[in-house]
PDB file of all heavy atoms in Angstrom:
ATOM      1  N   VAL A   1     -23.514   9.185  -6.357  1.00  0.00           N
ATOM      2  CA  VAL A   1     -23.210   7.835  -5.792  1.00  0.00           C
ATOM      3  C   VAL A   1     -23.263   6.812  -6.902  1.00  0.00           C
ATOM      4  O   VAL A   1     -22.386   5.910  -7.060  1.00  0.00           O
ATOM      5  CB  VAL A   1     -24.200   7.485  -4.675  1.00  0.00           C
ATOM      6  CG1 VAL A   1     -24.016   5.981  -4.303  1.00  0.00           C
ATOM      7  CG2 VAL A   1     -24.098   8.301  -3.459  1.00  0.00           C
ATOM      8  N   LEU A   2     -24.238   6.878  -7.798  1.00  0.00           N
ATOM      9  CA  LEU A   2     -24.398   5.924  -8.853  1.00  0.00           C
ATOM     10  C   LEU A   2     -23.211   5.981  -9.834  1.00  0.00           C
ATOM     11  O   LEU A   2     -22.527   4.925 -10.272  1.00  0.00           O
ATOM     12  CB  LEU A   2     -25.665   6.172  -9.617  1.00  0.00           C
ATOM     13  CG  LEU A   2     -26.073   4.940 -10.670  1.00  0.00           C
ATOM     14  CD1 LEU A   2     -26.339   3.786  -9.926  1.00  0.00           C
ATOM     15  CD2 LEU A   2     -27.368   5.501 -11.361  1.00  0.00           C
ATOM     16  N   VAL A   3     -22.852   7.147 -10.291  1.00  0.00           N
ATOM     17  CA  VAL A   3     -21.699   7.408 -11.199  1.00  0.00           C
ATOM     18  C   VAL A   3     -20.420   6.938 -10.517  1.00  0.00           C
ATOM     19  O   VAL A   3     -19.573   6.245 -11.078  1.00  0.00           O
ATOM     20  CB  VAL A   3     -21.619   8.866 -11.588  1.00  0.00           C
ATOM     21  CG1 VAL A   3     -20.299   9.129 -12.342  1.00  0.00           C
ATOM     22  CG2 VAL A   3     -22.758   9.248 -12.430  1.00  0.00           C
ATOM     23  N   ALA A   4     -20.196   7.261  -9.251  1.00  0.00           N
ATOM     24  CA  ALA A   4     -19.010   6.865  -8.524  1.00  0.00           C
ATOM     25  C   ALA A   4     -18.972   5.317  -8.469  1.00  0.00           C
ATOM     26  O   ALA A   4     -17.805   4.724  -8.631  1.00  0.00           O
ATOM     27  CB  ALA A   4     -19.004   7.461  -7.072  1.00  0.00           C
ATOM     28  N   GLY A   5     -20.069   4.687  -8.357  1.00  0.00           N
ATOM     29  CA  GLY A   5     -20.017   3.246  -8.245  1.00  0.00           C
ATOM     30  C   GLY A   5     -19.585   2.639  -9.598  1.00  0.00           C
ATOM     31  O   GLY A   5     -18.720   1.717  -9.569  1.00  0.00           O
ATOM     32  N   PHE A   6     -20.154   3.097 -10.623  1.00  0.00           N
ATOM     33  CA  PHE A   6     -19.762   2.556 -11.930  1.00  0.00           C
ATOM     34  C   PHE A   6     -18.352   2.861 -12.342  1.00  0.00           C
ATOM     35  O   PHE A   6     -17.566   2.024 -12.910  1.00  0.00           O
ATOM     36  CB  PHE A   6     -20.670   3.076 -13.035  1.00  0.00           C
ATOM     37  CG  PHE A   6     -21.985   2.326 -13.077  1.00  0.00           C
ATOM     38  CD1 PHE A   6     -23.198   2.876 -12.635  1.00  0.00           C
ATOM     39  CD2 PHE A   6     -22.061   1.048 -13.590  1.00  0.00           C
ATOM     40  CE1 PHE A   6     -24.359   2.216 -12.673  1.00  0.00           C
ATOM     41  CE2 PHE A   6     -23.296   0.337 -13.617  1.00  0.00           C
ATOM     42  CZ  PHE A   6     -24.397   0.906 -13.144  1.00  0.00           C
ATOM     43  N   VAL A   7     -17.858   4.098 -12.048  1.00  0.00           N
ATOM     44  CA  VAL A   7     -16.515   4.505 -12.349  1.00  0.00           C
ATOM     45  C   VAL A   7     -15.496   3.578 -11.506  1.00  0.00           C
ATOM     46  O   VAL A   7     -14.584   2.983 -12.032  1.00  0.00           O
ATOM     47  CB  VAL A   7     -16.278   5.978 -12.041  1.00  0.00           C
ATOM     48  CG1 VAL A   7     -14.719   6.332 -12.134  1.00  0.00           C
ATOM     49  CG2 VAL A   7     -17.033   6.793 -13.079  1.00  0.00           C
ATOM     50  N   LEU A   8     -15.807   3.421 -10.295  1.00  0.00           N
ATOM     51  CA  LEU A   8     -14.927   2.656  -9.374  1.00  0.00           C
ATOM     52  C   LEU A   8     -14.994   1.189  -9.718  1.00  0.00           C
ATOM     53  O   LEU A   8     -13.916   0.480  -9.764  1.00  0.00           O
ATOM     54  CB  LEU A   8     -15.446   2.842  -7.868  1.00  0.00           C
ATOM     55  CG  LEU A   8     -14.528   2.136  -6.821  1.00  0.00           C
ATOM     56  CD1 LEU A   8     -13.061   2.737  -6.900  1.00  0.00           C
ATOM     57  CD2 LEU A   8     -15.138   2.371  -5.564  1.00  0.00           C
ATOM     58  N   ALA A   9     -16.133   0.599 -10.119  1.00  0.00           N
ATOM     59  CA  ALA A   9     -16.254  -0.740 -10.522  1.00  0.00           C
ATOM     60  C   ALA A   9     -15.349  -1.074 -11.762  1.00  0.00           C
ATOM     61  O   ALA A   9     -14.870  -2.172 -11.929  1.00  0.00           O
ATOM     62  CB  ALA A   9     -17.618  -1.077 -10.700  1.00  0.00           C
ATOM     63  N   ARG A  10     -15.279  -0.108 -12.649  1.00  0.00           N
ATOM     64  CA  ARG A  10     -14.488  -0.338 -13.836  1.00  0.00           C
ATOM     65  C   ARG A  10     -12.931  -0.208 -13.582  1.00  0.00           C
ATOM     66  O   ARG A  10     -12.127  -0.665 -14.247  1.00  0.00           O
ATOM     67  CB  ARG A  10     -14.806   0.690 -14.898  1.00  0.00           C
ATOM     68  CG  ARG A  10     -16.203   0.562 -15.514  1.00  0.00           C
ATOM     69  CD  ARG A  10     -16.570   1.486 -16.601  1.00  0.00           C
ATOM     70  NE  ARG A  10     -17.888   1.310 -17.091  1.00  0.00           N
ATOM     71  CZ  ARG A  10     -18.297   0.323 -17.966  1.00  0.00           C
ATOM     72  NH1 ARG A  10     -17.400  -0.528 -18.433  1.00  0.00           N
ATOM     73  NH2 ARG A  10     -19.557   0.215 -18.352  1.00  0.00           N
ATOM     74  N   ARG A  11     -12.617   0.489 -12.456  1.00  0.00           N
ATOM     75  CA  ARG A  11     -11.186   0.667 -12.139  1.00  0.00           C
ATOM     76  C   ARG A  11     -10.644  -0.449 -11.192  1.00  0.00           C
ATOM     77  O   ARG A  11      -9.406  -0.586 -11.191  1.00  0.00           O
ATOM     78  CB  ARG A  11     -10.970   2.028 -11.441  1.00  0.00           C
ATOM     79  CG  ARG A  11     -11.215   3.197 -12.404  1.00  0.00           C
ATOM     80  CD  ARG A  11     -10.901   4.504 -11.727  1.00  0.00           C
ATOM     81  NE  ARG A  11     -10.953   5.644 -12.661  1.00  0.00           N
ATOM     82  CZ  ARG A  11     -10.682   6.899 -12.306  1.00  0.00           C
ATOM     83  NH1 ARG A  11     -10.269   7.129 -11.102  1.00  0.00           N
ATOM     84  NH2 ARG A  11     -10.742   7.831 -13.234  1.00  0.00           N
ATOM     85  N   THR A  12     -11.481  -1.139 -10.459  1.00  0.00           N
ATOM     86  CA  THR A  12     -10.970  -2.073  -9.572  1.00  0.00           C
ATOM     87  C   THR A  12     -11.914  -3.312  -9.455  1.00  0.00           C
ATOM     88  O   THR A  12     -13.124  -3.102  -9.543  1.00  0.00           O
ATOM     89  CB  THR A  12     -10.710  -1.547  -8.146  1.00  0.00           C
ATOM     90  OG1 THR A  12     -10.266  -2.542  -7.218  1.00  0.00           O
ATOM     91  CG2 THR A  12     -12.057  -1.037  -7.520  1.00  0.00           C
ATOM     92  N   ASP A  13     -11.275  -4.467  -9.284  1.00  0.00           N
ATOM     93  CA  ASP A  13     -12.034  -5.701  -9.071  1.00  0.00           C
ATOM     94  C   ASP A  13     -11.930  -6.181  -7.640  1.00  0.00           C
ATOM     95  O   ASP A  13     -12.344  -7.272  -7.246  1.00  0.00           O
ATOM     96  CB  ASP A  13     -11.638  -6.803 -10.047  1.00  0.00           C
ATOM     97  CG  ASP A  13     -10.228  -7.162  -9.827  1.00  0.00           C
ATOM     98  OD1 ASP A  13      -9.433  -6.498  -9.012  1.00  0.00           O
ATOM     99  OD2 ASP A  13      -9.768  -8.187 -10.540  1.00  0.00           O
ATOM    100  N   ASP A  14     -11.310  -5.297  -6.783  1.00  0.00           N
ATOM    101  CA  ASP A  14     -11.169  -5.585  -5.338  1.00  0.00           C
ATOM    102  C   ASP A  14     -12.430  -5.140  -4.606  1.00  0.00           C
ATOM    103  O   ASP A  14     -12.702  -3.913  -4.482  1.00  0.00           O
ATOM    104  CB  ASP A  14      -9.933  -4.825  -4.843  1.00  0.00           C
ATOM    105  CG  ASP A  14      -9.713  -5.139  -3.338  1.00  0.00           C
ATOM    106  OD1 ASP A  14     -10.614  -5.805  -2.714  1.00  0.00           O
ATOM    107  OD2 ASP A  14      -8.649  -4.670  -2.771  1.00  0.00           O
ATOM    108  N   LEU A  15     -13.313  -6.106  -4.247  1.00  0.00           N
ATOM    109  CA  LEU A  15     -14.581  -5.748  -3.720  1.00  0.00           C
ATOM    110  C   LEU A  15     -14.487  -5.102  -2.292  1.00  0.00           C
ATOM    111  O   LEU A  15     -15.255  -4.325  -1.945  1.00  0.00           O
ATOM    112  CB  LEU A  15     -15.437  -7.044  -3.594  1.00  0.00           C
ATOM    113  CG  LEU A  15     -16.942  -6.823  -3.221  1.00  0.00           C
ATOM    114  CD1 LEU A  15     -17.590  -5.858  -4.151  1.00  0.00           C
ATOM    115  CD2 LEU A  15     -17.643  -8.152  -3.124  1.00  0.00           C
ATOM    116  N   ILE A  16     -13.373  -5.416  -1.568  1.00  0.00           N
ATOM    117  CA  ILE A  16     -13.205  -4.789  -0.238  1.00  0.00           C
ATOM    118  C   ILE A  16     -12.972  -3.267  -0.464  1.00  0.00           C
ATOM    119  O   ILE A  16     -13.514  -2.404   0.175  1.00  0.00           O
ATOM    120  CB  ILE A  16     -12.060  -5.336   0.511  1.00  0.00           C
ATOM    121  CG1 ILE A  16     -12.437  -6.855   0.898  1.00  0.00           C
ATOM    122  CG2 ILE A  16     -11.742  -4.567   1.808  1.00  0.00           C
ATOM    123  CD1 ILE A  16     -11.261  -7.577   1.550  1.00  0.00           C
ATOM    124  N   THR A  17     -11.989  -2.922  -1.405  1.00  0.00           N
ATOM    125  CA  THR A  17     -11.730  -1.489  -1.659  1.00  0.00           C
ATOM    126  C   THR A  17     -12.944  -0.834  -2.215  1.00  0.00           C
ATOM    127  O   THR A  17     -13.294   0.286  -1.836  1.00  0.00           O
ATOM    128  CB  THR A  17     -10.613  -1.413  -2.764  1.00  0.00           C
ATOM    129  OG1 THR A  17      -9.350  -2.047  -2.149  1.00  0.00           O
ATOM    130  CG2 THR A  17     -10.371   0.021  -3.108  1.00  0.00           C
ATOM    131  N   TYR A  18     -13.704  -1.465  -3.163  1.00  0.00           N
ATOM    132  CA  TYR A  18     -14.886  -0.938  -3.681  1.00  0.00           C
ATOM    133  C   TYR A  18     -15.946  -0.595  -2.571  1.00  0.00           C
ATOM    134  O   TYR A  18     -16.493   0.414  -2.511  1.00  0.00           O
ATOM    135  CB  TYR A  18     -15.555  -1.815  -4.728  1.00  0.00           C
ATOM    136  CG  TYR A  18     -16.838  -1.405  -5.245  1.00  0.00           C
ATOM    137  CD1 TYR A  18     -16.871  -0.613  -6.330  1.00  0.00           C
ATOM    138  CD2 TYR A  18     -18.028  -1.798  -4.607  1.00  0.00           C
ATOM    139  CE1 TYR A  18     -18.107  -0.123  -6.790  1.00  0.00           C
ATOM    140  CE2 TYR A  18     -19.290  -1.315  -5.017  1.00  0.00           C
ATOM    141  CZ  TYR A  18     -19.339  -0.449  -6.157  1.00  0.00           C
ATOM    142  OH  TYR A  18     -20.495  -0.034  -6.617  1.00  0.00           O
ATOM    143  N   THR A  19     -16.178  -1.639  -1.699  1.00  0.00           N
ATOM    144  CA  THR A  19     -17.200  -1.471  -0.695  1.00  0.00           C
ATOM    145  C   THR A  19     -16.850  -0.367   0.286  1.00  0.00           C
ATOM    146  O   THR A  19     -17.635   0.525   0.691  1.00  0.00           O
ATOM    147  CB  THR A  19     -17.400  -2.744   0.034  1.00  0.00           C
ATOM    148  OG1 THR A  19     -17.663  -3.812  -0.853  1.00  0.00           O
ATOM    149  CG2 THR A  19     -18.456  -2.691   1.088  1.00  0.00           C
ATOM    150  N   LEU A  20     -15.536  -0.288   0.687  1.00  0.00           N
ATOM    151  CA  LEU A  20     -15.153   0.698   1.610  1.00  0.00           C
ATOM    152  C   LEU A  20     -15.282   2.089   0.997  1.00  0.00           C
ATOM    153  O   LEU A  20     -15.779   3.103   1.556  1.00  0.00           O
ATOM    154  CB  LEU A  20     -13.690   0.468   2.050  1.00  0.00           C
ATOM    155  CG  LEU A  20     -13.104   1.547   2.982  1.00  0.00           C
ATOM    156  CD1 LEU A  20     -13.772   1.596   4.301  1.00  0.00           C
ATOM    157  CD2 LEU A  20     -11.576   1.150   3.206  1.00  0.00           C
ATOM    158  N   THR A  21     -14.847   2.286  -0.198  1.00  0.00           N
ATOM    159  CA  THR A  21     -14.918   3.523  -0.945  1.00  0.00           C
ATOM    160  C   THR A  21     -16.360   4.021  -1.134  1.00  0.00           C
ATOM    161  O   THR A  21     -16.727   5.185  -0.933  1.00  0.00           O
ATOM    162  CB  THR A  21     -14.129   3.497  -2.332  1.00  0.00           C
ATOM    163  OG1 THR A  21     -12.843   2.993  -2.084  1.00  0.00           O
ATOM    164  CG2 THR A  21     -14.161   4.810  -2.928  1.00  0.00           C
ATOM    165  N   MET A  22     -17.217   3.063  -1.496  1.00  0.00           N
ATOM    166  CA  MET A  22     -18.619   3.454  -1.731  1.00  0.00           C
ATOM    167  C   MET A  22     -19.348   3.831  -0.414  1.00  0.00           C
ATOM    168  O   MET A  22     -20.177   4.729  -0.391  1.00  0.00           O
ATOM    169  CB  MET A  22     -19.374   2.328  -2.431  1.00  0.00           C
ATOM    170  CG  MET A  22     -18.995   2.119  -3.803  1.00  0.00           C
ATOM    171  SD  MET A  22     -19.165   3.645  -4.858  1.00  0.00           S
ATOM    172  CE  MET A  22     -20.891   3.912  -4.787  1.00  0.00           C
ATOM    173  N   LEU A  23     -18.974   3.092   0.673  1.00  0.00           N
ATOM    174  CA  LEU A  23     -19.504   3.565   1.972  1.00  0.00           C
ATOM    175  C   LEU A  23     -19.032   4.936   2.374  1.00  0.00           C
ATOM    176  O   LEU A  23     -19.806   5.802   2.869  1.00  0.00           O
ATOM    177  CB  LEU A  23     -19.085   2.546   3.040  1.00  0.00           C
ATOM    178  CG  LEU A  23     -19.800   1.118   3.068  1.00  0.00           C
ATOM    179  CD1 LEU A  23     -19.097   0.185   4.015  1.00  0.00           C
ATOM    180  CD2 LEU A  23     -21.256   1.287   3.364  1.00  0.00           C
ATOM    181  N   GLN A  24     -17.830   5.291   2.168  1.00  0.00           N
ATOM    182  CA  GLN A  24     -17.306   6.605   2.408  1.00  0.00           C
ATOM    183  C   GLN A  24     -17.988   7.576   1.494  1.00  0.00           C
ATOM    184  O   GLN A  24     -18.344   8.679   1.998  1.00  0.00           O
ATOM    185  CB  GLN A  24     -15.809   6.596   2.204  1.00  0.00           C
ATOM    186  CG  GLN A  24     -15.015   5.706   3.238  1.00  0.00           C
ATOM    187  CD  GLN A  24     -13.561   5.483   2.853  1.00  0.00           C
ATOM    188  OE1 GLN A  24     -13.244   5.725   1.689  1.00  0.00           O
ATOM    189  NE2 GLN A  24     -12.801   5.083   3.774  1.00  0.00           N
ATOM    190  N   THR A  25     -18.173   7.309   0.255  1.00  0.00           N
ATOM    191  CA  THR A  25     -18.862   8.223  -0.678  1.00  0.00           C
ATOM    192  C   THR A  25     -20.319   8.442  -0.194  1.00  0.00           C
ATOM    193  O   THR A  25     -20.806   9.610  -0.221  1.00  0.00           O
ATOM    194  CB  THR A  25     -18.958   7.623  -2.058  1.00  0.00           C
ATOM    195  OG1 THR A  25     -17.556   7.374  -2.489  1.00  0.00           O
ATOM    196  CG2 THR A  25     -19.549   8.607  -3.085  1.00  0.00           C
ATOM    197  N   ALA A  26     -20.948   7.449   0.223  1.00  0.00           N
ATOM    198  CA  ALA A  26     -22.352   7.607   0.646  1.00  0.00           C
ATOM    199  C   ALA A  26     -22.482   8.400   1.927  1.00  0.00           C
ATOM    200  O   ALA A  26     -23.325   9.245   2.042  1.00  0.00           O
ATOM    201  CB  ALA A  26     -22.886   6.189   0.989  1.00  0.00           C
ATOM    202  N   ILE A  27     -21.471   8.357   2.817  1.00  0.00           N
ATOM    203  CA  ILE A  27     -21.469   9.177   3.986  1.00  0.00           C
ATOM    204  C   ILE A  27     -21.306  10.636   3.618  1.00  0.00           C
ATOM    205  O   ILE A  27     -21.897  11.516   4.165  1.00  0.00           O
ATOM    206  CB  ILE A  27     -20.309   8.734   4.950  1.00  0.00           C
ATOM    207  CG1 ILE A  27     -20.795   7.419   5.558  1.00  0.00           C
ATOM    208  CG2 ILE A  27     -20.060   9.794   6.064  1.00  0.00           C
ATOM    209  CD1 ILE A  27     -19.577   6.671   6.355  1.00  0.00           C
ATOM    210  N   LEU A  28     -20.471  10.885   2.641  1.00  0.00           N
ATOM    211  CA  LEU A  28     -20.198  12.278   2.264  1.00  0.00           C
ATOM    212  C   LEU A  28     -21.387  12.948   1.560  1.00  0.00           C
ATOM    213  O   LEU A  28     -21.575  14.093   1.659  1.00  0.00           O
ATOM    214  CB  LEU A  28     -19.017  12.325   1.296  1.00  0.00           C
ATOM    215  CG  LEU A  28     -17.679  11.928   1.891  1.00  0.00           C
ATOM    216  CD1 LEU A  28     -16.598  11.876   0.711  1.00  0.00           C
ATOM    217  CD2 LEU A  28     -17.286  12.880   2.997  1.00  0.00           C
TER     218      LEU A  28
END
């Protein structure tokens, strides 16, 4: 989860996309 968060944060500045993707990652 931590690595996914940092990788995703470097790829997008869209907080909605980031939040949605991280919630989905956490569920998995």
